Amino acid sequence: MNILIAVDGSKHTQKALDYLVKHRETFVDKHQLVVAHVCVGITANAARHLSKEVLKDHYSEESSKVIGPVKAFFESKQITNFRVEERHGHVAEEILKAATSAQAELIVLGTHGHGIFGRALMGSVATKVVAETDITVLLVQ
């Protein structure tokens, strides 16, 4: 089974990773993990003043700040069955695209735990992902 793990470098991401490792037999071993990080896209107004190379370098640098610690964590747990997917744009939309591209059967997200009322007022990536996919989503709080 392909499992997409959306990471953003927050403590919520680490909680999700810890949960997966704690339940390693269920969620890690014998599965292909796809670690997806989405950099928030630079506005079109700002991007038109930058070269494609500068934009690419920016996104790569920002992703490495998040992906590097995830790779180190996996290495410390002797997890090698993963690949990385770096994207940029609208976070929820790109997570959904990455899950489709990876043919994921499970999407794992760490959540901030604002609760139903908080999500109704603020919206969230998790809410949008859950609402717009038919793939099973595991939310770790």
N, C-alpha and C. Protein backbone atom coordinates (compact mmCIF):
# COMPACT_ATOMS: atom_id res chain seq x y z
N MET A 1 0.85 -1.17 0.00
CA MET A 1 0.00 0.00 0.00
C MET A 1 0.89 1.23 0.00
N ASN A 2 0.50 2.25 -0.76
CA ASN A 2 1.20 3.53 -0.77
C ASN A 2 0.54 4.45 0.26
N ILE A 3 1.36 5.02 1.12
CA ILE A 3 0.87 5.91 2.17
C ILE A 3 1.53 7.27 1.98
N LEU A 4 0.72 8.30 1.80
CA LEU A 4 1.23 9.66 1.66
C LEU A 4 1.25 10.32 3.03
N ILE A 5 2.39 10.86 3.40
CA ILE A 5 2.54 11.56 4.67
C ILE A 5 2.84 13.01 4.34
N ALA A 6 1.90 13.89 4.66
CA ALA A 6 2.11 15.32 4.41
C ALA A 6 2.88 15.91 5.58
N VAL A 7 3.98 16.60 5.28
CA VAL A 7 4.83 17.16 6.34
C VAL A 7 5.00 18.66 6.14
N ASP A 8 5.06 19.37 7.27
CA ASP A 8 5.26 20.82 7.20
C ASP A 8 6.32 21.33 8.17
N GLY A 9 6.99 20.41 8.87
CA GLY A 9 8.04 20.83 9.78
C GLY A 9 7.57 21.21 11.17
N SER A 10 6.27 21.10 11.42
CA SER A 10 5.72 21.50 12.71
C SER A 10 5.77 20.36 13.72
N LYS A 11 5.47 20.68 14.96
CA LYS A 11 5.39 19.63 15.99
C LYS A 11 4.26 18.66 15.67
N HIS A 12 3.27 19.10 14.92
CA HIS A 12 2.16 18.24 14.54
C HIS A 12 2.63 17.18 13.55
N THR A 13 3.53 17.55 12.66
CA THR A 13 4.13 16.58 11.75
C THR A 13 4.91 15.54 12.55
N GLN A 14 5.68 15.99 13.52
CA GLN A 14 6.47 15.05 14.32
C GLN A 14 5.56 14.09 15.08
N LYS A 15 4.43 14.58 15.59
CA LYS A 15 3.49 13.69 16.27
C LYS A 15 2.97 12.62 15.32
N ALA A 16 2.68 13.01 14.09
CA ALA A 16 2.20 12.04 13.10
C ALA A 16 3.29 11.01 12.80
N LEU A 17 4.53 11.46 12.62
CA LEU A 17 5.62 10.53 12.36
C LEU A 17 5.84 9.58 13.54
N ASP A 18 5.78 10.12 14.75
CA ASP A 18 5.92 9.29 15.95
C ASP A 18 4.82 8.24 16.01
N TYR A 19 3.61 8.63 15.66
CA TYR A 19 2.49 7.70 15.67
C TYR A 19 2.72 6.56 14.67
N LEU A 20 3.16 6.91 13.48
CA LEU A 20 3.41 5.90 12.47
C LEU A 20 4.48 4.91 12.93
N VAL A 21 5.54 5.42 13.53
CA VAL A 21 6.61 4.55 14.00
C VAL A 21 6.14 3.70 15.18
N LYS A 22 5.33 4.26 16.05
CA LYS A 22 4.79 3.51 17.18
C LYS A 22 3.95 2.33 16.68
N HIS A 23 3.29 2.52 15.56
CA HIS A 23 2.45 1.49 14.96
C HIS A 23 3.09 1.02 13.64
N ARG A 24 4.36 0.80 13.73
CA ARG A 24 5.18 0.52 12.55
C ARG A 24 4.68 -0.68 11.73
N GLU A 25 4.28 -1.74 12.39
CA GLU A 25 3.81 -2.93 11.67
C GLU A 25 2.60 -2.62 10.81
N THR A 26 1.76 -1.72 11.27
CA THR A 26 0.53 -1.38 10.55
C THR A 26 0.78 -0.35 9.46
N PHE A 27 1.60 0.67 9.75
CA PHE A 27 1.70 1.82 8.85
C PHE A 27 3.03 1.98 8.11
N VAL A 28 4.05 1.24 8.49
CA VAL A 28 5.36 1.49 7.87
C VAL A 28 5.88 0.25 7.15
N ASP A 29 6.05 -0.82 7.88
CA ASP A 29 6.62 -2.02 7.29
C ASP A 29 5.72 -2.55 6.18
N LYS A 30 6.34 -2.98 5.11
CA LYS A 30 5.66 -3.57 3.94
C LYS A 30 4.82 -2.56 3.15
N HIS A 31 5.02 -1.28 3.38
CA HIS A 31 4.31 -0.24 2.63
C HIS A 31 5.32 0.69 1.99
N GLN A 32 4.89 1.42 0.98
CA GLN A 32 5.71 2.46 0.37
C GLN A 32 5.24 3.80 0.92
N LEU A 33 6.12 4.53 1.57
CA LEU A 33 5.79 5.83 2.14
C LEU A 33 6.19 6.92 1.15
N VAL A 34 5.30 7.88 0.98
CA VAL A 34 5.57 9.03 0.14
C VAL A 34 5.48 10.25 1.05
N VAL A 35 6.62 10.89 1.27
CA VAL A 35 6.68 12.07 2.13
C VAL A 35 6.49 13.29 1.24
N ALA A 36 5.41 14.02 1.47
CA ALA A 36 5.10 15.18 0.63
C ALA A 36 5.19 16.46 1.43
N HIS A 37 5.93 17.41 0.87
CA HIS A 37 5.99 18.74 1.46
C HIS A 37 5.57 19.75 0.40
N VAL A 38 4.72 20.67 0.82
CA VAL A 38 4.23 21.70 -0.09
C VAL A 38 4.68 23.06 0.42
N CYS A 39 5.48 23.75 -0.39
CA CYS A 39 5.83 25.14 -0.10
C CYS A 39 4.68 26.01 -0.58
N VAL A 40 4.31 26.96 0.22
CA VAL A 40 3.28 27.90 -0.20
C VAL A 40 3.82 28.66 -1.40
N GLY A 41 3.03 28.72 -2.45
CA GLY A 41 3.46 29.37 -3.67
C GLY A 41 3.69 30.87 -3.51
N ILE A 42 4.65 31.37 -4.23
CA ILE A 42 4.90 32.81 -4.28
C ILE A 42 3.84 33.42 -5.20
N THR A 43 3.32 34.55 -4.82
CA THR A 43 2.27 35.17 -5.62
C THR A 43 2.76 35.45 -7.04
N ALA A 44 1.82 35.42 -7.96
CA ALA A 44 2.17 35.66 -9.37
C ALA A 44 2.81 37.03 -9.54
N ASN A 45 2.34 38.01 -8.78
CA ASN A 45 2.88 39.36 -8.85
C ASN A 45 4.37 39.38 -8.47
N ALA A 46 4.72 38.65 -7.42
CA ALA A 46 6.12 38.60 -7.00
C ALA A 46 6.94 37.70 -7.93
N ALA A 47 6.34 36.58 -8.34
CA ALA A 47 7.06 35.60 -9.16
C ALA A 47 7.49 36.16 -10.51
N ARG A 48 6.71 37.08 -11.05
CA ARG A 48 7.07 37.59 -12.38
C ARG A 48 8.35 38.43 -12.35
N HIS A 49 8.80 38.81 -11.16
CA HIS A 49 10.03 39.59 -11.03
C HIS A 49 11.25 38.69 -10.74
N LEU A 50 11.01 37.39 -10.67
CA LEU A 50 12.08 36.46 -10.34
C LEU A 50 12.27 35.47 -11.48
N SER A 51 13.50 35.03 -11.66
CA SER A 51 13.76 34.04 -12.71
C SER A 51 13.27 32.67 -12.23
N LYS A 52 13.06 31.78 -13.19
CA LYS A 52 12.63 30.42 -12.85
C LYS A 52 13.66 29.74 -11.97
N GLU A 53 14.93 30.02 -12.22
CA GLU A 53 15.99 29.41 -11.43
C GLU A 53 15.94 29.88 -9.98
N VAL A 54 15.71 31.17 -9.77
CA VAL A 54 15.61 31.71 -8.41
C VAL A 54 14.41 31.10 -7.69
N LEU A 55 13.27 30.98 -8.38
CA LEU A 55 12.08 30.37 -7.79
C LEU A 55 12.35 28.91 -7.42
N LYS A 56 12.97 28.18 -8.35
CA LYS A 56 13.27 26.78 -8.11
C LYS A 56 14.19 26.63 -6.89
N ASP A 57 15.22 27.46 -6.81
CA ASP A 57 16.14 27.43 -5.67
C ASP A 57 15.42 27.75 -4.37
N HIS A 58 14.51 28.72 -4.40
CA HIS A 58 13.75 29.10 -3.20
C HIS A 58 12.93 27.92 -2.71
N TYR A 59 12.17 27.30 -3.61
CA TYR A 59 11.33 26.17 -3.22
C TYR A 59 12.17 25.00 -2.72
N SER A 60 13.28 24.75 -3.37
CA SER A 60 14.16 23.65 -2.97
C SER A 60 14.73 23.90 -1.57
N GLU A 61 15.17 25.12 -1.33
CA GLU A 61 15.74 25.48 -0.03
C GLU A 61 14.70 25.36 1.08
N GLU A 62 13.50 25.87 0.82
CA GLU A 62 12.43 25.81 1.83
C GLU A 62 12.04 24.36 2.12
N SER A 63 11.95 23.54 1.09
CA SER A 63 11.59 22.14 1.28
C SER A 63 12.66 21.38 2.06
N SER A 64 13.92 21.68 1.78
CA SER A 64 14.99 20.96 2.47
C SER A 64 14.97 21.21 3.97
N LYS A 65 14.50 22.38 4.39
CA LYS A 65 14.39 22.68 5.83
C LYS A 65 13.40 21.75 6.51
N VAL A 66 12.39 21.30 5.77
CA VAL A 66 11.37 20.41 6.32
C VAL A 66 11.72 18.95 6.06
N ILE A 67 12.16 18.64 4.86
CA ILE A 67 12.43 17.26 4.46
C ILE A 67 13.68 16.71 5.15
N GLY A 68 14.69 17.53 5.34
CA GLY A 68 15.93 17.08 5.98
C GLY A 68 15.70 16.40 7.32
N PRO A 69 15.00 17.05 8.24
CA PRO A 69 14.73 16.41 9.54
C PRO A 69 13.88 15.14 9.43
N VAL A 70 12.96 15.09 8.47
CA VAL A 70 12.14 13.89 8.28
C VAL A 70 13.04 12.73 7.83
N LYS A 71 13.93 13.01 6.88
CA LYS A 71 14.86 11.98 6.41
C LYS A 71 15.73 11.49 7.57
N ALA A 72 16.22 12.42 8.37
CA ALA A 72 17.08 12.05 9.51
C ALA A 72 16.30 11.20 10.51
N PHE A 73 15.04 11.55 10.75
CA PHE A 73 14.19 10.79 11.67
C PHE A 73 14.01 9.37 11.14
N PHE A 74 13.69 9.25 9.86
CA PHE A 74 13.50 7.93 9.27
C PHE A 74 14.79 7.12 9.33
N GLU A 75 15.91 7.75 9.03
CA GLU A 75 17.19 7.05 9.10
C GLU A 75 17.46 6.55 10.51
N SER A 76 17.13 7.37 11.52
CA SER A 76 17.37 6.96 12.91
C SER A 76 16.48 5.78 13.31
N LYS A 77 15.39 5.60 12.62
CA LYS A 77 14.47 4.48 12.87
C LYS A 77 14.66 3.35 11.87
N GLN A 78 15.68 3.47 11.05
CA GLN A 78 16.02 2.48 10.01
C GLN A 78 14.85 2.24 9.06
N ILE A 79 14.21 3.32 8.67
CA ILE A 79 13.13 3.27 7.69
C ILE A 79 13.70 3.75 6.36
N THR A 80 13.64 2.88 5.38
CA THR A 80 14.21 3.21 4.06
C THR A 80 13.17 3.15 2.94
N ASN A 81 11.99 2.68 3.24
CA ASN A 81 10.96 2.49 2.22
C ASN A 81 10.13 3.76 2.02
N PHE A 82 10.82 4.84 1.68
CA PHE A 82 10.12 6.10 1.45
C PHE A 82 10.76 6.85 0.29
N ARG A 83 9.96 7.70 -0.28
CA ARG A 83 10.46 8.64 -1.28
C ARG A 83 9.86 10.00 -0.95
N VAL A 84 10.46 11.02 -1.49
CA VAL A 84 10.07 12.39 -1.18
C VAL A 84 9.43 13.04 -2.40
N GLU A 85 8.39 13.79 -2.17
CA GLU A 85 7.76 14.57 -3.23
C GLU A 85 7.66 16.02 -2.75
N GLU A 86 8.34 16.90 -3.45
CA GLU A 86 8.32 18.33 -3.12
C GLU A 86 7.41 19.04 -4.11
N ARG A 87 6.53 19.87 -3.57
CA ARG A 87 5.58 20.61 -4.41
C ARG A 87 5.50 22.04 -3.91
N HIS A 88 4.87 22.88 -4.71
CA HIS A 88 4.59 24.24 -4.26
C HIS A 88 3.22 24.66 -4.79
N GLY A 89 2.56 25.52 -4.03
CA GLY A 89 1.24 25.98 -4.41
C GLY A 89 0.31 25.97 -3.22
N HIS A 90 -0.97 25.78 -3.49
CA HIS A 90 -1.98 25.72 -2.42
C HIS A 90 -1.81 24.37 -1.71
N VAL A 91 -1.61 24.41 -0.41
CA VAL A 91 -1.20 23.22 0.32
C VAL A 91 -2.18 22.06 0.17
N ALA A 92 -3.45 22.27 0.48
CA ALA A 92 -4.41 21.17 0.43
C ALA A 92 -4.54 20.61 -0.99
N GLU A 93 -4.60 21.49 -1.96
CA GLU A 93 -4.73 21.03 -3.35
C GLU A 93 -3.52 20.20 -3.78
N GLU A 94 -2.34 20.63 -3.39
CA GLU A 94 -1.13 19.91 -3.77
C GLU A 94 -1.01 18.57 -3.03
N ILE A 95 -1.47 18.52 -1.79
CA ILE A 95 -1.49 17.24 -1.07
C ILE A 95 -2.40 16.26 -1.80
N LEU A 96 -3.56 16.74 -2.22
CA LEU A 96 -4.50 15.88 -2.95
C LEU A 96 -3.91 15.41 -4.27
N LYS A 97 -3.24 16.31 -4.99
CA LYS A 97 -2.59 15.93 -6.25
C LYS A 97 -1.48 14.91 -6.00
N ALA A 98 -0.70 15.12 -4.95
CA ALA A 98 0.39 14.20 -4.62
C ALA A 98 -0.16 12.82 -4.27
N ALA A 99 -1.25 12.79 -3.53
CA ALA A 99 -1.87 11.50 -3.16
C ALA A 99 -2.36 10.76 -4.39
N THR A 100 -2.97 11.49 -5.31
CA THR A 100 -3.45 10.88 -6.55
C THR A 100 -2.27 10.37 -7.37
N SER A 101 -1.25 11.20 -7.51
CA SER A 101 -0.06 10.84 -8.28
C SER A 101 0.62 9.59 -7.70
N ALA A 102 0.65 9.51 -6.38
CA ALA A 102 1.31 8.38 -5.71
C ALA A 102 0.42 7.15 -5.63
N GLN A 103 -0.81 7.29 -6.08
CA GLN A 103 -1.80 6.22 -5.94
C GLN A 103 -1.90 5.77 -4.49
N ALA A 104 -1.95 6.77 -3.61
CA ALA A 104 -2.01 6.52 -2.17
C ALA A 104 -3.35 5.91 -1.78
N GLU A 105 -3.29 5.00 -0.84
CA GLU A 105 -4.49 4.43 -0.26
C GLU A 105 -4.76 4.99 1.12
N LEU A 106 -3.81 5.78 1.62
CA LEU A 106 -3.96 6.43 2.92
C LEU A 106 -3.18 7.73 2.89
N ILE A 107 -3.79 8.80 3.43
CA ILE A 107 -3.13 10.09 3.60
C ILE A 107 -3.00 10.32 5.10
N VAL A 108 -1.80 10.65 5.55
CA VAL A 108 -1.57 10.91 6.97
C VAL A 108 -1.24 12.38 7.15
N LEU A 109 -1.98 13.02 8.06
CA LEU A 109 -1.78 14.44 8.36
C LEU A 109 -1.69 14.64 9.87
N GLY A 110 -0.75 15.45 10.29
CA GLY A 110 -0.74 15.92 11.67
C GLY A 110 -1.66 17.14 11.73
N THR A 111 -2.49 17.22 12.76
CA THR A 111 -3.43 18.35 12.84
C THR A 111 -3.13 19.19 14.07
N HIS A 112 -3.59 20.42 13.99
CA HIS A 112 -3.39 21.37 15.08
C HIS A 112 -4.38 21.15 16.21
N GLY A 113 -5.45 20.42 15.95
CA GLY A 113 -6.40 20.09 17.00
C GLY A 113 -7.26 21.26 17.44
N HIS A 114 -7.63 22.13 16.50
CA HIS A 114 -8.48 23.27 16.84
C HIS A 114 -9.91 22.86 17.16
N GLY A 115 -10.29 21.66 16.79
CA GLY A 115 -11.66 21.20 17.03
C GLY A 115 -12.60 21.66 15.93
N ILE A 116 -13.81 21.17 16.00
CA ILE A 116 -14.80 21.45 14.96
C ILE A 116 -15.10 22.94 14.87
N PHE A 117 -15.31 23.60 15.98
CA PHE A 117 -15.66 25.02 15.97
C PHE A 117 -14.53 25.85 15.37
N GLY A 118 -13.30 25.56 15.77
CA GLY A 118 -12.16 26.30 15.24
C GLY A 118 -11.99 26.12 13.75
N ARG A 119 -12.17 24.89 13.27
CA ARG A 119 -12.05 24.64 11.84
C ARG A 119 -13.15 25.35 11.05
N ALA A 120 -14.33 25.41 11.64
CA ALA A 120 -15.44 26.08 10.95
C ALA A 120 -15.14 27.56 10.77
N LEU A 121 -14.48 28.15 11.73
CA LEU A 121 -14.16 29.58 11.65
C LEU A 121 -12.94 29.85 10.78
N MET A 122 -11.92 29.01 10.90
CA MET A 122 -10.64 29.30 10.26
C MET A 122 -10.40 28.52 8.98
N GLY A 123 -11.05 27.39 8.85
CA GLY A 123 -10.71 26.50 7.74
C GLY A 123 -9.39 25.84 8.04
N SER A 124 -9.08 24.78 7.36
CA SER A 124 -7.78 24.14 7.58
C SER A 124 -7.45 23.24 6.41
N VAL A 125 -6.19 22.92 6.31
CA VAL A 125 -5.73 22.01 5.28
C VAL A 125 -6.40 20.65 5.48
N ALA A 126 -6.41 20.18 6.72
CA ALA A 126 -7.00 18.87 7.00
C ALA A 126 -8.47 18.82 6.59
N THR A 127 -9.20 19.85 6.92
CA THR A 127 -10.63 19.88 6.58
C THR A 127 -10.82 19.79 5.07
N LYS A 128 -10.03 20.54 4.32
CA LYS A 128 -10.16 20.52 2.86
C LYS A 128 -9.76 19.17 2.29
N VAL A 129 -8.69 18.59 2.80
CA VAL A 129 -8.25 17.29 2.30
C VAL A 129 -9.32 16.24 2.57
N VAL A 130 -9.84 16.21 3.78
CA VAL A 130 -10.87 15.22 4.13
C VAL A 130 -12.11 15.41 3.26
N ALA A 131 -12.49 16.65 3.05
CA ALA A 131 -13.71 16.93 2.30
C ALA A 131 -13.60 16.61 0.82
N GLU A 132 -12.39 16.66 0.27
CA GLU A 132 -12.24 16.57 -1.18
C GLU A 132 -11.59 15.29 -1.69
N THR A 133 -11.45 14.28 -0.83
CA THR A 133 -10.84 13.04 -1.30
C THR A 133 -11.69 11.85 -0.95
N ASP A 134 -11.53 10.81 -1.73
CA ASP A 134 -12.17 9.54 -1.39
C ASP A 134 -11.13 8.56 -0.83
N ILE A 135 -9.91 9.05 -0.62
CA ILE A 135 -8.84 8.26 -0.01
C ILE A 135 -9.00 8.36 1.49
N THR A 136 -8.73 7.27 2.18
CA THR A 136 -8.80 7.27 3.64
C THR A 136 -7.76 8.25 4.19
N VAL A 137 -8.16 9.04 5.20
CA VAL A 137 -7.27 10.03 5.80
C VAL A 137 -7.13 9.70 7.29
N LEU A 138 -5.89 9.65 7.74
CA LEU A 138 -5.58 9.47 9.15
C LEU A 138 -5.09 10.80 9.70
N LEU A 139 -5.87 11.38 10.63
CA LEU A 139 -5.49 12.65 11.26
C LEU A 139 -4.89 12.33 12.63
N VAL A 140 -3.69 12.81 12.87
CA VAL A 140 -3.01 12.59 14.14
C VAL A 140 -2.93 13.93 14.86
N GLN A 141 -3.49 13.93 16.06
CA GLN A 141 -3.53 15.17 16.84
C GLN A 141 -2.55 15.08 17.99
